[in-house]
Amino acid sequence: MKYKEIVRLEKKEREKKLKELKMELVKAKAGASKSGSSKIKEIKKIIARLHTFNNLNKPKELKKQ
């Protein structure tokens, strides 16, 4: 998932996608010995992009706290 795709999503869709990715990460870690860590790395990057986008778009009052 690229940044352009994240921008297009609504807030609820981003939260839903974040939950899905976290579950996928847990599953990928469980099966890491079978496949590899490249999938885990990619999932972590997407989660980080989502968190970054959410933090940049918070209202200013919430950022000060």
Protein backbone atom coordinates (compact mmCIF):
# COMPACT_ATOMS: atom_id res chain seq x y z
CA MET A 1 0.00 0.00 0.00
CA LYS A 2 1.44 3.30 -1.09
CA TYR A 3 1.01 6.73 0.44
CA LYS A 4 -1.32 7.84 -2.36
CA GLU A 5 -3.65 4.95 -1.52
CA ILE A 6 -3.61 5.86 2.16
CA VAL A 7 -4.59 9.46 1.40
CA ARG A 8 -7.65 8.25 -0.50
CA LEU A 9 -8.94 6.19 2.44
CA GLU A 10 -11.36 7.58 4.98
CA LYS A 11 -10.47 7.55 8.67
CA LYS A 12 -12.57 4.46 9.46
CA GLU A 13 -11.13 2.60 6.50
CA ARG A 14 -7.57 3.43 7.63
CA GLU A 15 -8.33 2.16 11.14
CA LYS A 16 -9.82 -1.03 9.72
CA LYS A 17 -6.80 -1.53 7.46
CA LEU A 18 -4.47 -0.98 10.41
CA LYS A 19 -6.22 -3.69 12.43
CA GLU A 20 -6.07 -6.07 9.48
CA LEU A 21 -2.37 -5.44 8.99
CA LYS A 22 -1.61 -6.02 12.67
CA MET A 23 -3.39 -9.38 12.52
CA GLU A 24 -1.54 -10.24 9.33
CA LEU A 25 1.75 -9.33 11.02
CA VAL A 26 1.04 -11.70 13.90
CA LYS A 27 0.26 -14.49 11.43
CA ALA A 28 3.37 -13.73 9.40
CA LYS A 29 5.56 -13.84 12.52
CA ALA A 30 4.10 -17.21 13.44
CA GLY A 31 4.96 -18.62 10.04
CA ALA A 32 8.25 -16.78 9.61
CA SER A 33 10.30 -19.93 9.92
CA LYS A 34 8.49 -21.36 6.90
CA SER A 35 8.54 -18.42 4.53
CA GLY A 36 10.82 -15.49 5.22
CA SER A 37 11.01 -12.12 6.83
CA SER A 38 10.45 -10.03 3.69
CA LYS A 39 6.68 -10.13 4.19
CA ILE A 40 7.06 -9.06 7.83
CA LYS A 41 9.25 -6.15 6.79
CA GLU A 42 6.71 -4.96 4.21
CA ILE A 43 3.79 -5.18 6.67
CA LYS A 44 5.74 -3.14 9.23
CA LYS A 45 6.45 -0.45 6.63
CA ILE A 46 2.77 -0.14 5.74
CA ILE A 47 1.78 0.05 9.42
CA ALA A 48 4.37 2.79 9.92
CA ARG A 49 3.00 4.72 6.92
CA LEU A 50 -0.51 4.54 8.35
CA HIS A 51 0.63 5.72 11.79
CA THR A 52 2.63 8.56 10.26
CA PHE A 53 -0.31 9.71 8.16
CA ASN A 54 -2.64 9.57 11.17
CA ASN A 55 -0.23 11.57 13.32
CA LEU A 56 0.31 14.24 10.67
CA ASN A 57 -3.41 14.77 10.25
CA LYS A 58 -4.38 15.06 13.91
CA PRO A 59 -5.94 18.34 15.00
CA LYS A 60 -3.40 20.76 16.48
CA GLU A 61 -5.01 20.68 19.94
CA LEU A 62 -4.34 16.94 20.25
CA LYS A 63 -0.71 17.33 19.17
CA LYS A 64 0.08 19.71 22.04
CA GLN A 65 -1.00 17.28 24.74
